Amino acid sequence: FDVHPIDMTVAQISGELRSRYRSLKAIDSLQLATAMGHRCDVFVTNDRRLRAVKEIEIKLVTEL
């Protein structure tokens, strides 16, 4: 795992995600945007609601 700061690119992606997915919480959009901004292939989570996001592949922990 890597840790990355929230920069302007991440903030912009996060805002775009929040505008597309109104039910997305701010912290979730920031985490997803960080993964997308750093070109991650997969976002692993326990939150089934995040599967609505189509811009990055979402895997549930139970699927690993």
PDB file of N, CA and C in Angstrom:
ATOM      1  N   PHE A   1       0.835  -1.173   0.000  1.00  0.00           N
ATOM      2  CA  PHE A   1       0.000   0.000   0.000  1.00  0.00           C
ATOM      3  C   PHE A   1       0.882   1.238   0.000  1.00  0.00           C
ATOM      4  N   ASP A   2       0.411   2.269  -0.675  1.00  0.00           N
ATOM      5  CA  ASP A   2       1.096   3.554  -0.707  1.00  0.00           C
ATOM      6  C   ASP A   2       0.183   4.616  -0.113  1.00  0.00           C
ATOM      7  N   VAL A   3       0.784   5.628   0.446  1.00  0.00           N
ATOM      8  CA  VAL A   3       0.039   6.769   0.974  1.00  0.00           C
ATOM      9  C   VAL A   3       0.350   7.972   0.099  1.00  0.00           C
ATOM     10  N   HIS A   4      -0.698   8.669  -0.358  1.00  0.00           N
ATOM     11  CA  HIS A   4      -0.525   9.826  -1.238  1.00  0.00           C
ATOM     12  C   HIS A   4      -1.291  11.017  -0.675  1.00  0.00           C
ATOM     13  N   PRO A   5      -0.744  12.218  -0.866  1.00  0.00           N
ATOM     14  CA  PRO A   5      -1.451  13.417  -0.401  1.00  0.00           C
ATOM     15  C   PRO A   5      -2.614  13.768  -1.331  1.00  0.00           C
ATOM     16  N   ILE A   6      -3.520  14.561  -0.812  1.00  0.00           N
ATOM     17  CA  ILE A   6      -4.605  15.080  -1.639  1.00  0.00           C
ATOM     18  C   ILE A   6      -4.088  16.349  -2.304  1.00  0.00           C
ATOM     19  N   ASP A   7      -3.916  16.280  -3.618  1.00  0.00           N
ATOM     20  CA  ASP A   7      -3.447  17.448  -4.361  1.00  0.00           C
ATOM     21  C   ASP A   7      -4.595  17.986  -5.217  1.00  0.00           C
ATOM     22  N   MET A   8      -4.309  18.966  -6.046  1.00  0.00           N
ATOM     23  CA  MET A   8      -5.363  19.581  -6.863  1.00  0.00           C
ATOM     24  C   MET A   8      -5.986  18.595  -7.846  1.00  0.00           C
ATOM     25  N   THR A   9      -5.198  17.707  -8.393  1.00  0.00           N
ATOM     26  CA  THR A   9      -5.735  16.706  -9.329  1.00  0.00           C
ATOM     27  C   THR A   9      -6.732  15.799  -8.616  1.00  0.00           C
ATOM     28  N   VAL A  10      -6.346  15.327  -7.442  1.00  0.00           N
ATOM     29  CA  VAL A  10      -7.228  14.462  -6.659  1.00  0.00           C
ATOM     30  C   VAL A  10      -8.499  15.215  -6.271  1.00  0.00           C
ATOM     31  N   ALA A  11      -8.345  16.462  -5.853  1.00  0.00           N
ATOM     32  CA  ALA A  11      -9.506  17.269  -5.466  1.00  0.00           C
ATOM     33  C   ALA A  11     -10.460  17.457  -6.633  1.00  0.00           C
ATOM     34  N   GLN A  12      -9.922  17.677  -7.815  1.00  0.00           N
ATOM     35  CA  GLN A  12     -10.762  17.867  -9.001  1.00  0.00           C
ATOM     36  C   GLN A  12     -11.504  16.571  -9.349  1.00  0.00           C
ATOM     37  N   ILE A  13     -10.800  15.449  -9.348  1.00  0.00           N
ATOM     38  CA  ILE A  13     -11.444  14.160  -9.630  1.00  0.00           C
ATOM     39  C   ILE A  13     -12.524  13.883  -8.589  1.00  0.00           C
ATOM     40  N   SER A  14     -12.222  14.173  -7.330  1.00  0.00           N
ATOM     41  CA  SER A  14     -13.185  13.966  -6.251  1.00  0.00           C
ATOM     42  C   SER A  14     -14.456  14.774  -6.488  1.00  0.00           C
ATOM     43  N   GLY A  15     -14.305  16.024  -6.868  1.00  0.00           N
ATOM     44  CA  GLY A  15     -15.461  16.869  -7.155  1.00  0.00           C
ATOM     45  C   GLY A  15     -16.295  16.339  -8.298  1.00  0.00           C
ATOM     46  N   GLU A  16     -15.612  15.842  -9.334  1.00  0.00           N
ATOM     47  CA  GLU A  16     -16.325  15.268 -10.476  1.00  0.00           C
ATOM     48  C   GLU A  16     -17.107  14.022 -10.060  1.00  0.00           C
ATOM     49  N   LEU A  17     -16.488  13.201  -9.221  1.00  0.00           N
ATOM     50  CA  LEU A  17     -17.185  12.010  -8.734  1.00  0.00           C
ATOM     51  C   LEU A  17     -18.413  12.384  -7.911  1.00  0.00           C
ATOM     52  N   ARG A  18     -18.257  13.381  -7.044  1.00  0.00           N
ATOM     53  CA  ARG A  18     -19.387  13.810  -6.202  1.00  0.00           C
ATOM     54  C   ARG A  18     -20.526  14.367  -7.044  1.00  0.00           C
ATOM     55  N   SER A  19     -20.196  15.020  -8.156  1.00  0.00           N
ATOM     56  CA  SER A  19     -21.263  15.563  -9.007  1.00  0.00           C
ATOM     57  C   SER A  19     -21.977  14.452  -9.772  1.00  0.00           C
ATOM     58  N   ARG A  20     -21.285  13.371 -10.117  1.00  0.00           N
ATOM     59  CA  ARG A  20     -21.885  12.247 -10.834  1.00  0.00           C
ATOM     60  C   ARG A  20     -22.664  11.320  -9.911  1.00  0.00           C
ATOM     61  N   TYR A  21     -22.125  11.116  -8.714  1.00  0.00           N
ATOM     62  CA  TYR A  21     -22.704  10.166  -7.766  1.00  0.00           C
ATOM     63  C   TYR A  21     -23.097  10.937  -6.506  1.00  0.00           C
ATOM     64  N   ARG A  22     -24.308  11.462  -6.488  1.00  0.00           N
ATOM     65  CA  ARG A  22     -24.775  12.349  -5.419  1.00  0.00           C
ATOM     66  C   ARG A  22     -24.749  11.702  -4.039  1.00  0.00           C
ATOM     67  N   SER A  23     -24.888  10.391  -3.965  1.00  0.00           N
ATOM     68  CA  SER A  23     -24.913   9.722  -2.659  1.00  0.00           C
ATOM     69  C   SER A  23     -23.510   9.422  -2.127  1.00  0.00           C
ATOM     70  N   LEU A  24     -22.485   9.699  -2.922  1.00  0.00           N
ATOM     71  CA  LEU A  24     -21.104   9.412  -2.532  1.00  0.00           C
ATOM     72  C   LEU A  24     -20.655  10.372  -1.431  1.00  0.00           C
ATOM     73  N   LYS A  25     -20.148   9.832  -0.343  1.00  0.00           N
ATOM     74  CA  LYS A  25     -19.652  10.654   0.760  1.00  0.00           C
ATOM     75  C   LYS A  25     -18.329  11.300   0.364  1.00  0.00           C
ATOM     76  N   ALA A  26     -18.030  12.436   0.970  1.00  0.00           N
ATOM     77  CA  ALA A  26     -16.813  13.184   0.637  1.00  0.00           C
ATOM     78  C   ALA A  26     -15.561  12.328   0.831  1.00  0.00           C
ATOM     79  N   ILE A  27     -15.470  11.630   1.934  1.00  0.00           N
ATOM     80  CA  ILE A  27     -14.276  10.822   2.196  1.00  0.00           C
ATOM     81  C   ILE A  27     -14.128   9.703   1.172  1.00  0.00           C
ATOM     82  N   ASP A  28     -15.245   9.108   0.768  1.00  0.00           N
ATOM     83  CA  ASP A  28     -15.192   8.052  -0.246  1.00  0.00           C
ATOM     84  C   ASP A  28     -14.721   8.614  -1.580  1.00  0.00           C
ATOM     85  N   SER A  29     -15.235   9.768  -1.965  1.00  0.00           N
ATOM     86  CA  SER A  29     -14.821  10.350  -3.246  1.00  0.00           C
ATOM     87  C   SER A  29     -13.352  10.739  -3.215  1.00  0.00           C
ATOM     88  N   LEU A  30     -12.841  11.199  -2.083  1.00  0.00           N
ATOM     89  CA  LEU A  30     -11.414  11.531  -1.978  1.00  0.00           C
ATOM     90  C   LEU A  30     -10.542  10.281  -2.093  1.00  0.00           C
ATOM     91  N   GLN A  31     -10.966   9.201  -1.453  1.00  0.00           N
ATOM     92  CA  GLN A  31     -10.197   7.960  -1.537  1.00  0.00           C
ATOM     93  C   GLN A  31     -10.216   7.391  -2.953  1.00  0.00           C
ATOM     94  N   LEU A  32     -11.377   7.374  -3.563  1.00  0.00           N
ATOM     95  CA  LEU A  32     -11.474   6.893  -4.946  1.00  0.00           C
ATOM     96  C   LEU A  32     -10.665   7.774  -5.892  1.00  0.00           C
ATOM     97  N   ALA A  33     -10.762   9.080  -5.711  1.00  0.00           N
ATOM     98  CA  ALA A  33     -10.034  10.018  -6.568  1.00  0.00           C
ATOM     99  C   ALA A  33      -8.531   9.851  -6.415  1.00  0.00           C
ATOM    100  N   THR A  34      -8.073   9.586  -5.205  1.00  0.00           N
ATOM    101  CA  THR A  34      -6.645   9.346  -4.992  1.00  0.00           C
ATOM    102  C   THR A  34      -6.203   8.105  -5.756  1.00  0.00           C
ATOM    103  N   ALA A  35      -6.986   7.049  -5.681  1.00  0.00           N
ATOM    104  CA  ALA A  35      -6.666   5.824  -6.415  1.00  0.00           C
ATOM    105  C   ALA A  35      -6.669   6.080  -7.920  1.00  0.00           C
ATOM    106  N   MET A  36      -7.675   6.782  -8.406  1.00  0.00           N
ATOM    107  CA  MET A  36      -7.771   7.063  -9.838  1.00  0.00           C
ATOM    108  C   MET A  36      -6.644   7.983 -10.289  1.00  0.00           C
ATOM    109  N   GLY A  37      -6.345   9.005  -9.486  1.00  0.00           N
ATOM    110  CA  GLY A  37      -5.300   9.957  -9.845  1.00  0.00           C
ATOM    111  C   GLY A  37      -3.920   9.338  -9.895  1.00  0.00           C
ATOM    112  N   HIS A  38      -3.736   8.234  -9.196  1.00  0.00           N
ATOM    113  CA  HIS A  38      -2.448   7.540  -9.204  1.00  0.00           C
ATOM    114  C   HIS A  38      -2.506   6.258 -10.023  1.00  0.00           C
ATOM    115  N   ARG A  39      -3.512   6.185 -10.880  1.00  0.00           N
ATOM    116  CA  ARG A  39      -3.653   5.123 -11.880  1.00  0.00           C
ATOM    117  C   ARG A  39      -3.727   3.712 -11.293  1.00  0.00           C
ATOM    118  N   CYS A  40      -4.416   3.585 -10.171  1.00  0.00           N
ATOM    119  CA  CYS A  40      -4.650   2.249  -9.606  1.00  0.00           C
ATOM    120  C   CYS A  40      -5.644   1.501 -10.492  1.00  0.00           C
ATOM    121  N   ASP A  41      -5.475   0.217 -10.577  1.00  0.00           N
ATOM    122  CA  ASP A  41      -6.372  -0.608 -11.391  1.00  0.00           C
ATOM    123  C   ASP A  41      -7.633  -0.998 -10.642  1.00  0.00           C
ATOM    124  N   VAL A  42      -7.513  -1.191  -9.327  1.00  0.00           N
ATOM    125  CA  VAL A  42      -8.607  -1.723  -8.524  1.00  0.00           C
ATOM    126  C   VAL A  42      -8.677  -0.969  -7.194  1.00  0.00           C
ATOM    127  N   PHE A  43      -9.904  -0.731  -6.721  1.00  0.00           N
ATOM    128  CA  PHE A  43     -10.140  -0.150  -5.404  1.00  0.00           C
ATOM    129  C   PHE A  43     -10.810  -1.214  -4.563  1.00  0.00           C
ATOM    130  N   VAL A  44     -10.180  -1.598  -3.456  1.00  0.00           N
ATOM    131  CA  VAL A  44     -10.697  -2.668  -2.587  1.00  0.00           C
ATOM    132  C   VAL A  44     -11.414  -2.036  -1.403  1.00  0.00           C
ATOM    133  N   THR A  45     -12.617  -2.527  -1.120  1.00  0.00           N
ATOM    134  CA  THR A  45     -13.449  -1.952  -0.069  1.00  0.00           C
ATOM    135  C   THR A  45     -14.399  -3.002   0.497  1.00  0.00           C
ATOM    136  N   ASN A  46     -15.020  -2.655   1.620  1.00  0.00           N
ATOM    137  CA  ASN A  46     -16.119  -3.441   2.175  1.00  0.00           C
ATOM    138  C   ASN A  46     -17.460  -2.806   1.862  1.00  0.00           C
ATOM    139  N   ASP A  47     -17.442  -1.625   1.263  1.00  0.00           N
ATOM    140  CA  ASP A  47     -18.642  -0.824   1.035  1.00  0.00           C
ATOM    141  C   ASP A  47     -19.269  -1.170  -0.324  1.00  0.00           C
ATOM    142  N   ARG A  48     -20.345  -1.934  -0.290  1.00  0.00           N
ATOM    143  CA  ARG A  48     -21.022  -2.352  -1.528  1.00  0.00           C
ATOM    144  C   ARG A  48     -21.554  -1.178  -2.346  1.00  0.00           C
ATOM    145  N   ARG A  49     -21.882  -0.075  -1.661  1.00  0.00           N
ATOM    146  CA  ARG A  49     -22.430   1.091  -2.366  1.00  0.00           C
ATOM    147  C   ARG A  49     -21.453   1.658  -3.394  1.00  0.00           C
ATOM    148  N   LEU A  50     -20.170   1.464  -3.176  1.00  0.00           N
ATOM    149  CA  LEU A  50     -19.170   2.034  -4.080  1.00  0.00           C
ATOM    150  C   LEU A  50     -19.142   1.323  -5.439  1.00  0.00           C
ATOM    151  N   ARG A  51     -19.809   0.192  -5.535  1.00  0.00           N
ATOM    152  CA  ARG A  51     -19.862  -0.510  -6.822  1.00  0.00           C
ATOM    153  C   ARG A  51     -20.594   0.293  -7.884  1.00  0.00           C
ATOM    154  N   ALA A  52     -21.326   1.320  -7.472  1.00  0.00           N
ATOM    155  CA  ALA A  52     -22.015   2.191  -8.434  1.00  0.00           C
ATOM    156  C   ALA A  52     -21.015   2.995  -9.252  1.00  0.00           C
ATOM    157  N   VAL A  53     -19.830   3.218  -8.713  1.00  0.00           N
ATOM    158  CA  VAL A  53     -18.802   4.003  -9.403  1.00  0.00           C
ATOM    159  C   VAL A  53     -18.210   3.151 -10.522  1.00  0.00           C
ATOM    160  N   LYS A  54     -18.242   3.680 -11.731  1.00  0.00           N
ATOM    161  CA  LYS A  54     -17.801   2.918 -12.901  1.00  0.00           C
ATOM    162  C   LYS A  54     -16.432   3.332 -13.426  1.00  0.00           C
ATOM    163  N   GLU A  55     -15.856   4.399 -12.892  1.00  0.00           N
ATOM    164  CA  GLU A  55     -14.592   4.921 -13.402  1.00  0.00           C
ATOM    165  C   GLU A  55     -13.369   4.109 -12.983  1.00  0.00           C
ATOM    166  N   ILE A  56     -13.530   3.254 -11.973  1.00  0.00           N
ATOM    167  CA  ILE A  56     -12.454   2.383 -11.506  1.00  0.00           C
ATOM    168  C   ILE A  56     -13.086   1.061 -11.084  1.00  0.00           C
ATOM    169  N   GLU A  57     -12.355  -0.016 -11.261  1.00  0.00           N
ATOM    170  CA  GLU A  57     -12.881  -1.316 -10.845  1.00  0.00           C
ATOM    171  C   GLU A  57     -12.946  -1.384  -9.321  1.00  0.00           C
ATOM    172  N   ILE A  58     -14.105  -1.767  -8.816  1.00  0.00           N
ATOM    173  CA  ILE A  58     -14.324  -1.897  -7.378  1.00  0.00           C
ATOM    174  C   ILE A  58     -14.400  -3.377  -7.035  1.00  0.00           C
ATOM    175  N   LYS A  59     -13.566  -3.802  -6.101  1.00  0.00           N
ATOM    176  CA  LYS A  59     -13.590  -5.188  -5.614  1.00  0.00           C
ATOM    177  C   LYS A  59     -13.949  -5.157  -4.135  1.00  0.00           C
ATOM    178  N   LEU A  60     -14.846  -6.031  -3.760  1.00  0.00           N
ATOM    179  CA  LEU A  60     -15.161  -6.188  -2.353  1.00  0.00           C
ATOM    180  C   LEU A  60     -14.153  -7.135  -1.720  1.00  0.00           C
ATOM    181  N   VAL A  61     -13.847  -6.918  -0.450  1.00  0.00           N
ATOM    182  CA  VAL A  61     -12.893  -7.760   0.255  1.00  0.00           C
ATOM    183  C   VAL A  61     -13.321  -9.223   0.185  1.00  0.00           C
ATOM    184  N   THR A  62     -14.610  -9.454   0.252  1.00  0.00           N
ATOM    185  CA  THR A  62     -15.115 -10.834   0.214  1.00  0.00           C
ATOM    186  C   THR A  62     -14.869 -11.512  -1.128  1.00  0.00           C
ATOM    187  N   GLU A  63     -14.539 -10.745  -2.153  1.00  0.00           N
ATOM    188  CA  GLU A  63     -14.266 -11.311  -3.488  1.00  0.00           C
ATOM    189  C   GLU A  63     -12.809 -11.682  -3.685  1.00  0.00           C
ATOM    190  N   LEU A  64     -11.985 -11.343  -2.731  1.00  0.00           N
ATOM    191  CA  LEU A  64     -10.543 -11.632  -2.869  1.00  0.00           C
ATOM    192  C   LEU A  64     -10.207 -13.043  -2.464  1.00  0.00           C
TER     193      LEU A  64
END
